[in-house]
C-alpha atoms as a PDB file:
ATOM      1  CA  MET A   1     -18.747 -12.480  32.889  1.00  0.00           C
ATOM      2  CA  ASP A   2     -19.679  -9.186  34.555  1.00  0.00           C
ATOM      3  CA  THR A   3     -16.314  -9.034  36.303  1.00  0.00           C
ATOM      4  CA  LEU A   4     -14.429  -9.630  33.054  1.00  0.00           C
ATOM      5  CA  TYR A   5     -16.542  -6.958  31.356  1.00  0.00           C
ATOM      6  CA  THR A   6     -15.803  -4.470  34.138  1.00  0.00           C
ATOM      7  CA  ILE A   7     -12.067  -5.183  34.080  1.00  0.00           C
ATOM      8  CA  LEU A   8     -11.799  -4.888  30.288  1.00  0.00           C
ATOM      9  CA  LYS A   9     -14.026  -1.811  30.176  1.00  0.00           C
ATOM     10  CA  HIS A  10     -11.836  -0.018  32.726  1.00  0.00           C
ATOM     11  CA  ALA A  11      -8.667  -1.177  30.959  1.00  0.00           C
ATOM     12  CA  HIS A  12     -10.051   0.057  27.629  1.00  0.00           C
ATOM     13  CA  SER A  13     -11.111   3.354  29.161  1.00  0.00           C
ATOM     14  CA  GLY A  14      -7.863   3.880  31.068  1.00  0.00           C
ATOM     15  CA  LEU A  15      -5.667   2.959  28.124  1.00  0.00           C
ATOM     16  CA  ARG A  16      -7.366   5.764  26.218  1.00  0.00           C
ATOM     17  CA  TRP A  17      -5.171   8.230  28.125  1.00  0.00           C
ATOM     18  CA  VAL A  18      -2.013   6.369  27.139  1.00  0.00           C
ATOM     19  CA  VAL A  19      -3.142   6.362  23.493  1.00  0.00           C
ATOM     20  CA  LEU A  20      -3.987  10.076  23.551  1.00  0.00           C
ATOM     21  CA  PHE A  21      -0.686  10.971  25.229  1.00  0.00           C
ATOM     22  CA  LEU A  22       1.400   8.881  22.818  1.00  0.00           C
ATOM     23  CA  LEU A  23      -0.427  10.243  19.775  1.00  0.00           C
ATOM     24  CA  LEU A  24       0.011  13.838  20.967  1.00  0.00           C
ATOM     25  CA  ALA A  25       3.689  13.212  21.710  1.00  0.00           C
ATOM     26  CA  ALA A  26       4.258  11.555  18.316  1.00  0.00           C
ATOM     27  CA  ILE A  27       2.493  14.411  16.510  1.00  0.00           C
ATOM     28  CA  ALA A  28       4.452  17.099  18.375  1.00  0.00           C
ATOM     29  CA  ASN A  29       7.690  15.186  17.799  1.00  0.00           C
ATOM     30  CA  ALA A  30       6.984  14.768  14.085  1.00  0.00           C
ATOM     31  CA  PHE A  31       6.136  18.408  13.458  1.00  0.00           C
ATOM     32  CA  SER A  32       9.054  19.721  15.538  1.00  0.00           C
ATOM     33  CA  LYS A  33      11.553  17.459  13.770  1.00  0.00           C
ATOM     34  CA  ARG A  34      10.046  18.328  10.385  1.00  0.00           C
ATOM     35  CA  ARG A  35      10.418  22.018  11.160  1.00  0.00           C
ATOM     36  CA  GLY A  36      13.973  21.445  12.371  1.00  0.00           C
ATOM     37  CA  GLY A  37      14.898  19.687   9.132  1.00  0.00           C
ATOM     38  CA  SER A  38      15.711  16.382  10.799  1.00  0.00           C
ATOM     39  CA  VAL A  39      16.043  13.342   8.557  1.00  0.00           C
ATOM     40  CA  TYR A  40      13.309  10.743   9.088  1.00  0.00           C
ATOM     41  CA  PRO A  41      15.044   7.531  10.255  1.00  0.00           C
ATOM     42  CA  GLY A  42      12.379   5.152   8.932  1.00  0.00           C
ATOM     43  CA  LYS A  43      11.826   3.544  12.319  1.00  0.00           C
ATOM     44  CA  GLU A  44      10.680   6.191  14.757  1.00  0.00           C
ATOM     45  CA  LYS A  45      10.142   4.678  18.221  1.00  0.00           C
ATOM     46  CA  LEU A  46       7.613   7.199  19.545  1.00  0.00           C
ATOM     47  CA  ALA A  47       5.427   6.845  16.458  1.00  0.00           C
ATOM     48  CA  LEU A  48       5.747   3.060  16.739  1.00  0.00           C
ATOM     49  CA  TYR A  49       4.696   3.097  20.413  1.00  0.00           C
ATOM     50  CA  ALA A  50       1.667   5.211  19.503  1.00  0.00           C
ATOM     51  CA  LEU A  51       0.807   2.739  16.743  1.00  0.00           C
ATOM     52  CA  MET A  52       1.148  -0.225  19.109  1.00  0.00           C
ATOM     53  CA  SER A  53      -1.023   1.415  21.773  1.00  0.00           C
ATOM     54  CA  VAL A  54      -3.748   2.087  19.211  1.00  0.00           C
ATOM     55  CA  HIS A  55      -3.688  -1.562  18.132  1.00  0.00           C
ATOM     56  CA  ILE A  56      -3.809  -2.839  21.719  1.00  0.00           C
ATOM     57  CA  GLN A  57      -6.792  -0.553  22.257  1.00  0.00           C
ATOM     58  CA  LEU A  58      -8.375  -2.054  19.130  1.00  0.00           C
ATOM     59  CA  ILE A  59      -8.018  -5.592  20.486  1.00  0.00           C
ATOM     60  CA  LEU A  60      -9.570  -4.658  23.833  1.00  0.00           C
ATOM     61  CA  GLY A  61     -12.354  -2.790  22.062  1.00  0.00           C
ATOM     62  CA  LEU A  62     -13.163  -5.676  19.742  1.00  0.00           C
ATOM     63  CA  VAL A  63     -13.389  -8.123  22.648  1.00  0.00           C
ATOM     64  CA  LEU A  64     -15.793  -5.756  24.395  1.00  0.00           C
ATOM     65  CA  TYR A  65     -17.732  -5.077  21.194  1.00  0.00           C
ATOM     66  CA  LEU A  66     -18.123  -8.644  19.974  1.00  0.00           C
ATOM     67  CA  TRP A  67     -18.603 -10.582  23.199  1.00  0.00           C
ATOM     68  CA  LEU A  68     -19.028  -8.628  26.413  1.00  0.00           C
ATOM     69  CA  SER A  69     -20.668  -5.215  26.132  1.00  0.00           C
ATOM     70  CA  PRO A  70     -24.342  -4.907  27.077  1.00  0.00           C
ATOM     71  CA  LEU A  71     -24.364  -1.553  25.244  1.00  0.00           C
ATOM     72  CA  VAL A  72     -23.901  -3.165  21.821  1.00  0.00           C
ATOM     73  CA  SER A  73     -26.917  -4.693  20.135  1.00  0.00           C
ATOM     74  CA  PHE A  74     -27.286  -6.364  16.764  1.00  0.00           C
ATOM     75  CA  GLU A  75     -31.036  -6.791  16.870  1.00  0.00           C
ATOM     76  CA  GLY A  76     -34.064  -4.550  16.872  1.00  0.00           C
ATOM     77  CA  GLU A  77     -34.163  -0.829  16.320  1.00  0.00           C
ATOM     78  CA  ILE A  78     -30.486   0.020  16.741  1.00  0.00           C
ATOM     79  CA  MET A  79     -30.699   3.405  15.056  1.00  0.00           C
ATOM     80  CA  SER A  80     -33.638   4.665  17.120  1.00  0.00           C
ATOM     81  CA  ASN A  81     -31.761   4.445  20.438  1.00  0.00           C
ATOM     82  CA  ALA A  82     -28.946   7.022  20.594  1.00  0.00           C
ATOM     83  CA  VAL A  83     -26.791   5.114  23.095  1.00  0.00           C
ATOM     84  CA  THR A  84     -27.084   1.777  21.290  1.00  0.00           C
ATOM     85  CA  ARG A  85     -26.425   3.462  17.928  1.00  0.00           C
ATOM     86  CA  PHE A  86     -23.342   5.212  19.301  1.00  0.00           C
ATOM     87  CA  TYR A  87     -21.754   2.060  20.734  1.00  0.00           C
ATOM     88  CA  THR A  88     -22.859  -0.287  17.937  1.00  0.00           C
ATOM     89  CA  VAL A  89     -22.114   1.935  14.930  1.00  0.00           C
ATOM     90  CA  GLU A  90     -20.581   5.373  15.533  1.00  0.00           C
ATOM     91  CA  HIS A  91     -17.869   4.451  18.052  1.00  0.00           C
ATOM     92  CA  LEU A  92     -16.789   1.417  16.026  1.00  0.00           C
ATOM     93  CA  VAL A  93     -16.672   3.154  12.639  1.00  0.00           C
ATOM     94  CA  GLY A  94     -14.911   6.249  13.987  1.00  0.00           C
ATOM     95  CA  MET A  95     -12.284   4.248  15.827  1.00  0.00           C
ATOM     96  CA  LEU A  96     -11.644   1.847  12.940  1.00  0.00           C
ATOM     97  CA  ALA A  97     -11.152   4.809  10.594  1.00  0.00           C
ATOM     98  CA  ALA A  98      -8.779   6.448  13.095  1.00  0.00           C
ATOM     99  CA  ILE A  99      -6.762   3.253  13.538  1.00  0.00           C
ATOM    100  CA  ALA A 100      -6.561   2.864   9.765  1.00  0.00           C
ATOM    101  CA  LEU A 101      -5.229   6.432   9.442  1.00  0.00           C
ATOM    102  CA  VAL A 102      -2.565   5.883  12.092  1.00  0.00           C
ATOM    103  CA  THR A 103      -1.525   2.560  10.555  1.00  0.00           C
ATOM    104  CA  VAL A 104      -1.389   3.916   7.004  1.00  0.00           C
ATOM    105  CA  GLY A 105       0.503   6.995   8.193  1.00  0.00           C
ATOM    106  CA  TYR A 106       3.187   4.928   9.894  1.00  0.00           C
ATOM    107  CA  SER A 107       3.503   2.570   6.913  1.00  0.00           C
ATOM    108  CA  LYS A 108       3.709   5.403   4.380  1.00  0.00           C
ATOM    109  CA  ALA A 109       6.260   7.288   6.462  1.00  0.00           C
ATOM    110  CA  LYS A 110       8.571   4.264   6.535  1.00  0.00           C
ATOM    111  CA  ARG A 111       8.618   4.190   2.731  1.00  0.00           C
ATOM    112  CA  GLN A 112       9.183   7.904   2.112  1.00  0.00           C
ATOM    113  CA  LYS A 113      12.110   8.501  -0.205  1.00  0.00           C
ATOM    114  CA  GLU A 114      12.655  12.176   0.625  1.00  0.00           C
ATOM    115  CA  LEU A 115      14.842  12.813   3.645  1.00  0.00           C
ATOM    116  CA  ASN A 116      12.363  14.420   6.035  1.00  0.00           C
ATOM    117  CA  ARG A 117       9.003  13.855   4.365  1.00  0.00           C
ATOM    118  CA  GLY A 118       8.226  10.975   6.750  1.00  0.00           C
ATOM    119  CA  TRP A 119       7.839  13.445   9.626  1.00  0.00           C
ATOM    120  CA  LYS A 120       5.089  15.301   7.789  1.00  0.00           C
ATOM    121  CA  THR A 121       3.341  12.036   6.901  1.00  0.00           C
ATOM    122  CA  ILE A 122       3.382  10.874  10.530  1.00  0.00           C
ATOM    123  CA  GLY A 123       2.217  14.269  11.753  1.00  0.00           C
ATOM    124  CA  VAL A 124      -0.692  14.632   9.349  1.00  0.00           C
ATOM    125  CA  TYR A 125      -2.020  11.060   9.504  1.00  0.00           C
ATOM    126  CA  TYR A 126      -1.644  10.820  13.279  1.00  0.00           C
ATOM    127  CA  LEU A 127      -3.340  14.205  13.719  1.00  0.00           C
ATOM    128  CA  LEU A 128      -6.309  13.135  11.586  1.00  0.00           C
ATOM    129  CA  GLY A 129      -6.502   9.853  13.506  1.00  0.00           C
ATOM    130  CA  LEU A 130      -6.363  11.716  16.821  1.00  0.00           C
ATOM    131  CA  LEU A 131      -9.214  14.011  15.785  1.00  0.00           C
ATOM    132  CA  LEU A 132     -11.375  11.025  14.860  1.00  0.00           C
ATOM    133  CA  ILE A 133     -10.536   9.349  18.161  1.00  0.00           C
ATOM    134  CA  LEU A 134     -11.473  12.464  20.121  1.00  0.00           C
ATOM    135  CA  LEU A 135     -14.803  12.632  18.285  1.00  0.00           C
ATOM    136  CA  SER A 136     -15.518   8.931  18.846  1.00  0.00           C
ATOM    137  CA  ILE A 137     -14.749   8.677  22.565  1.00  0.00           C
ATOM    138  CA  PRO A 138     -17.839   8.445  24.811  1.00  0.00           C
ATOM    139  CA  TRP A 139     -16.828  11.405  26.974  1.00  0.00           C
ATOM    140  CA  PRO A 140     -18.750  11.850  30.268  1.00  0.00           C
ATOM    141  CA  PHE A 141     -19.975  15.285  29.163  1.00  0.00           C
ATOM    142  CA  ARG A 142     -21.695  13.872  26.060  1.00  0.00           C
ATOM    143  CA  ALA A 143     -25.392  13.698  26.858  1.00  0.00           C
ATOM    144  CA  GLY A 144     -26.858  10.230  27.320  1.00  0.00           C
ATOM    145  CA  LEU A 145     -23.641   8.257  26.899  1.00  0.00           C
ATOM    146  CA  VAL A 146     -22.431   6.268  29.867  1.00  0.00           C
ATOM    147  CA  GLY A 147     -18.731   6.928  29.415  1.00  0.00           C
ATOM    148  CA  GLY A 148     -16.499   7.826  32.326  1.00  0.00           C
ATOM    149  CA  TRP A 149     -13.133   9.472  32.731  1.00  0.00           C
ATOM    150  CA  PHE A 150     -11.494   6.110  33.511  1.00  0.00           C
END
């Protein structure tokens, strides 16, 4: 079980960079095309790839959260230990909210009736989701958390 945990933890941590890159690229693409007056096609591939990467990250995270992680605890004084609280509550809630924003943004953009309004919808929702993700990642420089760069 420790080997599976290590593999999934590194996959989850490494995939973070793919998610961040795709979200940044989708946001930059959306705002540049919005500014250029481009018509939103309804099925934007870059935004879709960002959405898919976020959902793959969700699946990996839920497997770690529900079954494998020794950092998650559902018993005792969860809120009194900063590391346990972060991984059991803060990381989960922040990431679920971010994934919801990205998903809603993509879905709303597909249904936009105005010609280029979908670009703004993608840009704003993905940007808000990205900010929540950045706040919820256990970065190595955050005191007490055991996160790594990969």
